[in-house]
C-alpha atoms as a PDB file:
ATOM      1  CA  MET A   1     -18.384  -7.453  -6.409  1.00  0.00           C
ATOM      2  CA  THR A   2     -15.794  -6.280  -8.922  1.00  0.00           C
ATOM      3  CA  VAL A   3     -15.100  -2.573  -9.131  1.00  0.00           C
ATOM      4  CA  CYS A   4     -13.509  -1.078 -12.235  1.00  0.00           C
ATOM      5  CA  LEU A   5     -10.674   1.192 -11.130  1.00  0.00           C
ATOM      6  CA  PRO A   6      -9.335   4.088 -13.180  1.00  0.00           C
ATOM      7  CA  PRO A   7      -5.598   4.175 -13.966  1.00  0.00           C
ATOM      8  CA  PHE A   8      -3.393   5.691 -11.287  1.00  0.00           C
ATOM      9  CA  ASP A   9       0.226   6.349 -10.434  1.00  0.00           C
ATOM     10  CA  ILE A  10       1.405   3.036  -8.974  1.00  0.00           C
ATOM     11  CA  CYS A  11       4.590   4.622  -7.592  1.00  0.00           C
ATOM     12  CA  SER A  12       2.634   7.106  -5.495  1.00  0.00           C
ATOM     13  CA  PHE A  13       0.316   4.346  -4.351  1.00  0.00           C
ATOM     14  CA  LEU A  14       3.213   2.143  -3.280  1.00  0.00           C
ATOM     15  CA  GLU A  15       4.993   5.012  -1.558  1.00  0.00           C
ATOM     16  CA  THR A  16       1.840   5.854   0.377  1.00  0.00           C
ATOM     17  CA  LEU A  17       1.318   2.251   1.420  1.00  0.00           C
ATOM     18  CA  ASN A  18       4.965   1.921   2.355  1.00  0.00           C
ATOM     19  CA  ASN A  19       4.540   4.944   4.629  1.00  0.00           C
ATOM     20  CA  VAL A  20       1.425   3.418   6.168  1.00  0.00           C
ATOM     21  CA  TYR A  21       3.171   0.114   6.899  1.00  0.00           C
ATOM     22  CA  TYR A  22       6.201   1.700   8.466  1.00  0.00           C
ATOM     23  CA  GLY A  23       4.325   4.471  10.254  1.00  0.00           C
ATOM     24  CA  GLU A  24       6.204   7.230   8.491  1.00  0.00           C
ATOM     25  CA  ASP A  25       4.835  10.726   8.067  1.00  0.00           C
ATOM     26  CA  LEU A  26       3.033  11.142   4.743  1.00  0.00           C
ATOM     27  CA  ASP A  27       4.739  14.434   3.886  1.00  0.00           C
ATOM     28  CA  LEU A  28       6.108  13.567   0.453  1.00  0.00           C
ATOM     29  CA  ALA A  29       8.456  16.569   0.478  1.00  0.00           C
ATOM     30  CA  GLU A  30      10.455  14.781   3.135  1.00  0.00           C
ATOM     31  CA  LYS A  31      10.663  11.692   0.927  1.00  0.00           C
ATOM     32  CA  VAL A  32      12.604  13.444  -1.829  1.00  0.00           C
ATOM     33  CA  PRO A  33      16.101  11.994  -1.630  1.00  0.00           C
ATOM     34  CA  SER A  34      18.848  14.454  -0.848  1.00  0.00           C
ATOM     35  CA  LEU A  35      22.407  14.312  -2.086  1.00  0.00           C
ATOM     36  CA  GLU A  36      23.501  13.295   1.397  1.00  0.00           C
ATOM     37  CA  ASP A  37      21.363  10.143   1.368  1.00  0.00           C
ATOM     38  CA  ASN A  38      23.294   6.939   1.395  1.00  0.00           C
ATOM     39  CA  LEU A  39      23.026   5.264  -2.009  1.00  0.00           C
ATOM     40  CA  GLU A  40      22.640   1.859  -0.398  1.00  0.00           C
ATOM     41  CA  ASP A  41      19.703   3.080   1.724  1.00  0.00           C
ATOM     42  CA  ARG A  42      18.014   4.506  -1.347  1.00  0.00           C
ATOM     43  CA  ILE A  43      18.437   1.213  -3.230  1.00  0.00           C
ATOM     44  CA  VAL A  44      17.055  -0.791  -0.307  1.00  0.00           C
ATOM     45  CA  HIS A  45      14.101   1.571  -0.030  1.00  0.00           C
ATOM     46  CA  GLN A  46      13.389   1.236  -3.759  1.00  0.00           C
ATOM     47  CA  GLU A  47      13.559  -2.558  -3.485  1.00  0.00           C
ATOM     48  CA  GLU A  48      11.073  -2.468  -0.600  1.00  0.00           C
ATOM     49  CA  ILE A  49       8.665  -0.402  -2.683  1.00  0.00           C
ATOM     50  CA  GLU A  50       9.010  -2.824  -5.601  1.00  0.00           C
ATOM     51  CA  GLU A  51       8.366  -5.809  -3.327  1.00  0.00           C
ATOM     52  CA  LEU A  52       5.337  -4.054  -1.859  1.00  0.00           C
ATOM     53  CA  GLY A  53       4.022  -3.527  -5.391  1.00  0.00           C
ATOM     54  CA  LYS A  54       4.440  -7.214  -6.180  1.00  0.00           C
ATOM     55  CA  ALA A  55       2.715  -8.123  -2.923  1.00  0.00           C
ATOM     56  CA  ILE A  56      -0.229  -5.830  -3.670  1.00  0.00           C
ATOM     57  CA  LEU A  57      -0.651  -7.401  -7.104  1.00  0.00           C
ATOM     58  CA  LYS A  58      -1.019 -10.793  -5.390  1.00  0.00           C
ATOM     59  CA  LEU A  59      -3.795  -9.588  -3.088  1.00  0.00           C
ATOM     60  CA  PRO A  60      -7.414 -10.523  -3.741  1.00  0.00           C
ATOM     61  CA  GLU A  61      -9.273  -7.903  -5.796  1.00  0.00           C
ATOM     62  CA  LYS A  62     -11.326  -6.756  -2.814  1.00  0.00           C
ATOM     63  CA  HIS A  63      -8.196  -5.975  -0.799  1.00  0.00           C
ATOM     64  CA  LYS A  64      -6.596  -4.101  -3.696  1.00  0.00           C
ATOM     65  CA  ASP A  65      -9.786  -2.109  -4.199  1.00  0.00           C
ATOM     66  CA  LEU A  66     -10.045  -1.226  -0.514  1.00  0.00           C
ATOM     67  CA  LEU A  67      -6.451  -0.008  -0.406  1.00  0.00           C
ATOM     68  CA  TYR A  68      -6.955   1.994  -3.578  1.00  0.00           C
ATOM     69  CA  PHE A  69     -10.118   3.710  -2.342  1.00  0.00           C
ATOM     70  CA  LYS A  70      -8.617   4.484   1.060  1.00  0.00           C
ATOM     71  CA  TYR A  71      -5.102   5.627   0.137  1.00  0.00           C
ATOM     72  CA  ILE A  72      -5.305   6.847  -3.433  1.00  0.00           C
ATOM     73  CA  LEU A  73      -8.811   8.257  -3.618  1.00  0.00           C
ATOM     74  CA  GLU A  74      -8.665   9.158   0.092  1.00  0.00           C
ATOM     75  CA  MET A  75     -12.250   8.071   0.609  1.00  0.00           C
ATOM     76  CA  ASN A  76     -13.646   7.827   4.114  1.00  0.00           C
ATOM     77  CA  ASP A  77     -14.832   4.563   5.632  1.00  0.00           C
ATOM     78  CA  LEU A  78     -18.512   5.419   5.209  1.00  0.00           C
ATOM     79  CA  ASP A  79     -18.164   5.981   1.457  1.00  0.00           C
ATOM     80  CA  ILE A  80     -16.133   2.811   1.041  1.00  0.00           C
ATOM     81  CA  ALA A  81     -18.721   0.888   3.071  1.00  0.00           C
ATOM     82  CA  GLU A  82     -21.462   2.081   0.715  1.00  0.00           C
ATOM     83  CA  ILE A  83     -19.554   0.898  -2.348  1.00  0.00           C
ATOM     84  CA  PHE A  84     -18.866  -2.547  -0.884  1.00  0.00           C
ATOM     85  CA  GLN A  85     -22.243  -2.704   0.873  1.00  0.00           C
ATOM     86  CA  ILE A  86     -20.674  -3.467   4.245  1.00  0.00           C
ATOM     87  CA  ALA A  87     -20.718  -1.802   7.672  1.00  0.00           C
ATOM     88  CA  PRO A  88     -18.252   1.101   8.161  1.00  0.00           C
ATOM     89  CA  ASP A  89     -16.592  -0.793  11.040  1.00  0.00           C
ATOM     90  CA  SER A  90     -16.000  -3.680   8.661  1.00  0.00           C
ATOM     91  CA  VAL A  91     -14.057  -1.379   6.327  1.00  0.00           C
ATOM     92  CA  ARG A  92     -11.415  -0.850   9.007  1.00  0.00           C
ATOM     93  CA  GLN A  93     -11.198  -4.589   9.631  1.00  0.00           C
ATOM     94  CA  TYR A  94     -10.826  -5.366   5.931  1.00  0.00           C
ATOM     95  CA  LEU A  95      -8.203  -2.642   5.508  1.00  0.00           C
ATOM     96  CA  THR A  96      -6.234  -4.035   8.423  1.00  0.00           C
ATOM     97  CA  ARG A  97      -6.345  -7.497   6.856  1.00  0.00           C
ATOM     98  CA  ALA A  98      -5.337  -6.150   3.449  1.00  0.00           C
ATOM     99  CA  ARG A  99      -2.364  -4.226   4.876  1.00  0.00           C
ATOM    100  CA  ARG A 100      -1.312  -7.193   7.000  1.00  0.00           C
ATOM    101  CA  GLU A 101      -1.541  -9.615   4.077  1.00  0.00           C
ATOM    102  CA  ALA A 102       0.436  -7.279   1.792  1.00  0.00           C
ATOM    103  CA  LYS A 103       3.094  -6.841   4.485  1.00  0.00           C
ATOM    104  CA  GLU A 104       3.362 -10.605   5.000  1.00  0.00           C
ATOM    105  CA  LEU A 105       3.687 -11.218   1.263  1.00  0.00           C
ATOM    106  CA  MET A 106       6.302  -8.484   1.012  1.00  0.00           C
ATOM    107  CA  ASP A 107       8.302  -9.857   3.949  1.00  0.00           C
ATOM    108  CA  LYS A 108       8.128 -13.355   2.482  1.00  0.00           C
ATOM    109  CA  GLU A 109       9.524 -12.120  -0.839  1.00  0.00           C
ATOM    110  CA  MET A 110      12.239 -10.071   0.886  1.00  0.00           C
ATOM    111  CA  ASN A 111      13.279 -13.130   2.893  1.00  0.00           C
ATOM    112  CA  LYS A 112      13.474 -15.203  -0.307  1.00  0.00           C
ATOM    113  CA  HIS A 113      15.859 -12.671  -1.814  1.00  0.00           C
ATOM    114  CA  ALA A 114      17.954 -12.554   1.355  1.00  0.00           C
ATOM    115  CA  GLU A 115      18.626 -16.310   1.228  1.00  0.00           C
END
């Protein structure tokens, strides 16, 4: 099943997913860089977000859609399950797989750049 997604702010999406992967608090006010932040840390963080974006683009459509519905549209599992015509418990499993696959792709790309 292909779902047509409306346009969205990819930067916010990537920042949200980055927070999910690293278990950071989702308070975006805390994510605003301060003047005291180390420039190198900010560059590394930006590179991680870019790599996460590339990884997400490589995901199967279903995984991208699931991540979009969950983290951008903030839909609950029951609503997502209805759209994909799957059990609500399956939504959590698919989301876990999508996050894991994106993280693995991101790590693989980061390791390529480190070599």
